[in-house]
C-alpha atoms as a PDB file:
ATOM      1  CA  MET A   1     -14.040 -31.660 -34.519  1.00  0.00           C
ATOM      2  CA  GLU A   2     -17.312 -33.213 -33.511  1.00  0.00           C
ATOM      3  CA  LEU A   3     -15.487 -35.635 -31.056  1.00  0.00           C
ATOM      4  CA  TRP A   4     -14.123 -32.739 -29.057  1.00  0.00           C
ATOM      5  CA  VAL A   5     -16.969 -31.176 -29.087  1.00  0.00           C
ATOM      6  CA  SER A   6     -18.851 -33.813 -27.487  1.00  0.00           C
ATOM      7  CA  LYS A   7     -16.132 -34.368 -25.083  1.00  0.00           C
ATOM      8  CA  SER A   8     -15.966 -31.201 -24.185  1.00  0.00           C
ATOM      9  CA  ALA A   9     -19.908 -30.978 -23.519  1.00  0.00           C
ATOM     10  CA  LEU A  10     -19.761 -34.194 -21.142  1.00  0.00           C
ATOM     11  CA  VAL A  11     -16.867 -32.595 -19.303  1.00  0.00           C
ATOM     12  CA  ASP A  12     -19.540 -29.757 -18.613  1.00  0.00           C
ATOM     13  CA  ILE A  13     -21.809 -32.405 -17.140  1.00  0.00           C
ATOM     14  CA  ILE A  14     -19.150 -33.800 -14.968  1.00  0.00           C
ATOM     15  CA  ASN A  15     -18.105 -30.088 -13.624  1.00  0.00           C
ATOM     16  CA  PHE A  16     -21.351 -29.659 -13.188  1.00  0.00           C
ATOM     17  CA  LEU A  17     -21.821 -32.368 -10.809  1.00  0.00           C
ATOM     18  CA  ASP A  18     -18.279 -31.936  -9.208  1.00  0.00           C
ATOM     19  CA  PRO A  19     -19.141 -32.076  -5.408  1.00  0.00           C
ATOM     20  CA  SER A  20     -16.631 -29.080  -4.739  1.00  0.00           C
ATOM     21  CA  ALA A  21     -18.405 -27.126  -7.114  1.00  0.00           C
ATOM     22  CA  ILE A  22     -22.089 -27.744  -5.776  1.00  0.00           C
ATOM     23  CA  GLU A  23     -23.184 -25.345  -3.171  1.00  0.00           C
ATOM     24  CA  PHE A  24     -23.706 -26.902  -0.353  1.00  0.00           C
ATOM     25  CA  ALA A  25     -26.608 -23.856   0.726  1.00  0.00           C
ATOM     26  CA  ARG A  26     -28.962 -25.306  -1.971  1.00  0.00           C
ATOM     27  CA  THR A  27     -32.159 -25.438  -0.821  1.00  0.00           C
ATOM     28  CA  PHE A  28     -35.673 -26.821  -2.062  1.00  0.00           C
ATOM     29  CA  GLU A  29     -36.451 -23.404  -4.162  1.00  0.00           C
ATOM     30  CA  THR A  30     -32.946 -23.575  -5.526  1.00  0.00           C
ATOM     31  CA  TYR A  31     -32.815 -27.478  -6.374  1.00  0.00           C
ATOM     32  CA  LEU A  32     -35.434 -26.925  -8.950  1.00  0.00           C
ATOM     33  CA  GLN A  33     -33.385 -24.616 -10.919  1.00  0.00           C
ATOM     34  CA  TRP A  34     -30.284 -26.690 -10.467  1.00  0.00           C
ATOM     35  CA  LYS A  35     -32.739 -29.505 -11.699  1.00  0.00           C
ATOM     36  CA  LYS A  36     -33.534 -27.673 -15.264  1.00  0.00           C
ATOM     37  CA  ASP A  37     -29.724 -26.967 -15.409  1.00  0.00           C
ATOM     38  CA  PHE A  38     -28.645 -29.864 -15.124  1.00  0.00           C
ATOM     39  CA  THR A  39     -31.258 -31.436 -17.727  1.00  0.00           C
ATOM     40  CA  LYS A  40     -30.506 -28.899 -20.156  1.00  0.00           C
ATOM     41  CA  LEU A  41     -26.956 -30.168 -20.100  1.00  0.00           C
ATOM     42  CA  LEU A  42     -27.873 -33.934 -20.781  1.00  0.00           C
ATOM     43  CA  LYS A  43     -30.322 -32.528 -23.328  1.00  0.00           C
ATOM     44  CA  GLU A  44     -27.179 -30.786 -25.005  1.00  0.00           C
ATOM     45  CA  TRP A  45     -24.649 -33.579 -24.640  1.00  0.00           C
ATOM     46  CA  ASP A  46     -27.221 -36.164 -25.920  1.00  0.00           C
ATOM     47  CA  LYS A  47     -27.789 -34.027 -29.163  1.00  0.00           C
ATOM     48  CA  ILE A  48     -24.075 -33.625 -29.807  1.00  0.00           C
ATOM     49  CA  TYR A  49     -23.441 -37.126 -29.204  1.00  0.00           C
ATOM     50  CA  VAL A  50     -26.203 -38.444 -31.575  1.00  0.00           C
ATOM     51  CA  LYS A  51     -24.681 -36.177 -34.194  1.00  0.00           C
ATOM     52  CA  HIS A  52     -21.217 -37.505 -33.530  1.00  0.00           C
ATOM     53  CA  SER A  53     -21.918 -41.311 -33.700  1.00  0.00           C
ATOM     54  CA  GLY A  54     -23.984 -40.917 -36.853  1.00  0.00           C
ATOM     55  CA  ALA A  55     -28.101 -41.287 -37.632  1.00  0.00           C
ATOM     56  CA  LYS A  56     -27.319 -45.303 -37.841  1.00  0.00           C
ATOM     57  CA  GLY A  57     -25.300 -45.693 -34.480  1.00  0.00           C
ATOM     58  CA  THR A  58     -21.990 -46.504 -33.699  1.00  0.00           C
ATOM     59  CA  THR A  59     -19.846 -49.095 -35.948  1.00  0.00           C
ATOM     60  CA  LYS A  60     -19.787 -52.812 -35.470  1.00  0.00           C
ATOM     61  CA  GLU A  61     -16.659 -52.677 -33.883  1.00  0.00           C
ATOM     62  CA  MET A  62     -17.505 -50.023 -31.174  1.00  0.00           C
ATOM     63  CA  ASN A  63     -20.887 -52.021 -30.729  1.00  0.00           C
ATOM     64  CA  ASP A  64     -18.651 -55.137 -30.421  1.00  0.00           C
ATOM     65  CA  LEU A  65     -16.633 -53.384 -27.466  1.00  0.00           C
ATOM     66  CA  HIS A  66     -19.284 -51.890 -26.088  1.00  0.00           C
ATOM     67  CA  MET A  67     -21.694 -54.972 -26.018  1.00  0.00           C
ATOM     68  CA  ALA A  68     -18.766 -56.958 -24.121  1.00  0.00           C
ATOM     69  CA  ALA A  69     -17.822 -54.369 -21.453  1.00  0.00           C
ATOM     70  CA  MET A  70     -21.884 -54.363 -20.501  1.00  0.00           C
ATOM     71  CA  LEU A  71     -22.422 -57.745 -20.934  1.00  0.00           C
ATOM     72  CA  PRO A  72     -21.535 -58.938 -16.904  1.00  0.00           C
ATOM     73  CA  LEU A  73     -23.848 -55.654 -15.722  1.00  0.00           C
ATOM     74  CA  ASN A  74     -26.422 -57.195 -18.521  1.00  0.00           C
ATOM     75  CA  GLU A  75     -26.176 -60.875 -17.204  1.00  0.00           C
ATOM     76  CA  LEU A  76     -26.225 -59.704 -13.378  1.00  0.00           C
ATOM     77  CA  ILE A  77     -29.178 -57.804 -13.954  1.00  0.00           C
ATOM     78  CA  THR A  78     -31.243 -60.443 -15.477  1.00  0.00           C
ATOM     79  CA  ALA A  79     -30.045 -62.862 -12.713  1.00  0.00           C
ATOM     80  CA  ASN A  80     -31.557 -60.482 -10.536  1.00  0.00           C
ATOM     81  CA  GLU A  81     -34.634 -59.699 -12.279  1.00  0.00           C
ATOM     82  CA  ASN A  82     -35.094 -64.024 -12.042  1.00  0.00           C
ATOM     83  CA  PHE A  83     -34.482 -64.412  -8.476  1.00  0.00           C
ATOM     84  CA  HIS A  84     -36.755 -61.228  -7.671  1.00  0.00           C
ATOM     85  CA  ASN A  85     -39.423 -62.505  -9.467  1.00  0.00           C
ATOM     86  CA  LEU A  86     -39.560 -65.774  -8.029  1.00  0.00           C
ATOM     87  CA  GLU A  87     -39.127 -64.441  -4.604  1.00  0.00           C
ATOM     88  CA  VAL A  88     -42.253 -62.333  -5.419  1.00  0.00           C
ATOM     89  CA  MET A  89     -44.061 -65.598  -6.741  1.00  0.00           C
ATOM     90  CA  ILE A  90     -43.540 -67.058  -3.186  1.00  0.00           C
ATOM     91  CA  ALA A  91     -44.276 -64.415  -1.394  1.00  0.00           C
ATOM     92  CA  LYS A  92     -48.011 -64.002  -2.856  1.00  0.00           C
ATOM     93  CA  PRO A  93     -50.306 -65.069  -0.493  1.00  0.00           C
ATOM     94  CA  GLY A  94     -52.850 -67.879  -1.719  1.00  0.00           C
ATOM     95  CA  ASN A  95     -49.929 -68.647  -4.569  1.00  0.00           C
ATOM     96  CA  PRO A  96     -51.687 -71.764  -5.871  1.00  0.00           C
ATOM     97  CA  ILE A  97     -48.268 -73.056  -7.671  1.00  0.00           C
ATOM     98  CA  PRO A  98     -45.285 -74.291  -4.909  1.00  0.00           C
ATOM     99  CA  VAL A  99     -41.924 -73.370  -6.286  1.00  0.00           C
ATOM    100  CA  PRO A 100     -39.513 -76.370  -5.834  1.00  0.00           C
ATOM    101  CA  GLU A 101     -36.823 -75.613  -3.248  1.00  0.00           C
ATOM    102  CA  PHE A 102     -34.100 -76.157  -6.234  1.00  0.00           C
ATOM    103  CA  ARG A 103     -35.330 -73.871  -8.275  1.00  0.00           C
ATOM    104  CA  LEU A 104     -35.076 -71.103  -5.650  1.00  0.00           C
ATOM    105  CA  LEU A 105     -31.832 -72.251  -5.042  1.00  0.00           C
ATOM    106  CA  ALA A 106     -30.503 -72.279  -8.297  1.00  0.00           C
ATOM    107  CA  LEU A 107     -31.764 -68.903  -8.718  1.00  0.00           C
ATOM    108  CA  GLU A 108     -29.715 -67.638  -6.041  1.00  0.00           C
ATOM    109  CA  GLU A 109     -26.780 -69.320  -6.788  1.00  0.00           C
ATOM    110  CA  LYS A 110     -26.467 -67.780 -10.516  1.00  0.00           C
ATOM    111  CA  PHE A 111     -27.110 -64.552  -8.891  1.00  0.00           C
ATOM    112  CA  CYS A 112     -24.221 -64.789  -6.763  1.00  0.00           C
ATOM    113  CA  GLU A 113     -21.736 -65.778  -8.962  1.00  0.00           C
ATOM    114  CA  LYS A 114     -22.681 -63.214 -11.566  1.00  0.00           C
ATOM    115  CA  LEU A 115     -22.484 -60.416  -8.757  1.00  0.00           C
ATOM    116  CA  THR A 116     -19.093 -61.967  -7.925  1.00  0.00           C
ATOM    117  CA  GLY A 117     -18.242 -61.744 -10.968  1.00  0.00           C
ATOM    118  CA  VAL A 118     -18.822 -57.695 -11.246  1.00  0.00           C
ATOM    119  CA  CYS A 119     -17.243 -57.495  -8.034  1.00  0.00           C
ATOM    120  CA  GLU A 120     -14.527 -59.070  -9.081  1.00  0.00           C
ATOM    121  CA  ILE A 121     -14.126 -56.382 -12.359  1.00  0.00           C
ATOM    122  CA  PHE A 122     -14.467 -53.488  -9.682  1.00  0.00           C
ATOM    123  CA  LYS A 123     -11.797 -55.211  -7.903  1.00  0.00           C
ATOM    124  CA  ASP A 124      -9.268 -55.345 -10.792  1.00  0.00           C
ATOM    125  CA  TYR A 125     -10.104 -52.213 -12.317  1.00  0.00           C
ATOM    126  CA  GLY A 126     -12.218 -49.896 -10.039  1.00  0.00           C
ATOM    127  CA  THR A 127     -10.690 -46.621  -8.903  1.00  0.00           C
ATOM    128  CA  ASP A 128     -11.688 -47.592  -5.177  1.00  0.00           C
ATOM    129  CA  PRO A 129     -10.583 -51.284  -5.243  1.00  0.00           C
ATOM    130  CA  LEU A 130     -12.462 -53.957  -3.615  1.00  0.00           C
ATOM    131  CA  VAL A 131     -10.789 -56.214  -0.982  1.00  0.00           C
ATOM    132  CA  GLU A 132      -9.420 -59.677  -2.066  1.00  0.00           C
ATOM    133  CA  HIS A 133     -12.289 -61.694  -0.118  1.00  0.00           C
ATOM    134  CA  PHE A 134     -16.155 -60.927  -0.541  1.00  0.00           C
ATOM    135  CA  ASN A 135     -18.981 -62.743   0.293  1.00  0.00           C
ATOM    136  CA  ILE A 136     -22.041 -62.245  -1.213  1.00  0.00           C
ATOM    137  CA  ARG A 137     -24.285 -64.769   0.538  1.00  0.00           C
END
């Protein structure tokens, strides 16, 4: 029963965000109320989902599935952060430590590798598949 309630709350959120259901005449004044309603739906779903998943979280099997599914995205985010931090260090005016060129190239290569992996997943499983060839660089 709790699973059904959790799914129903999630469907309510999806229906709320459905482009055909959103008013196109929304103004600045109506946006604030829409945002409050949306936040209320998210809080209700969060409360229901936490109750559904149990006080101590998910089961080990479910956690293993989630971790495996999110691994490519987590690796991409980490590679992006490392590459970005190095670019910021290089761009900092008066940087006393010169950054070796090979380090920049290695981090760029790692980022491109991880982004290509995520694009491969979208190509294979996405609802709007990517074309066969995509050039990350």
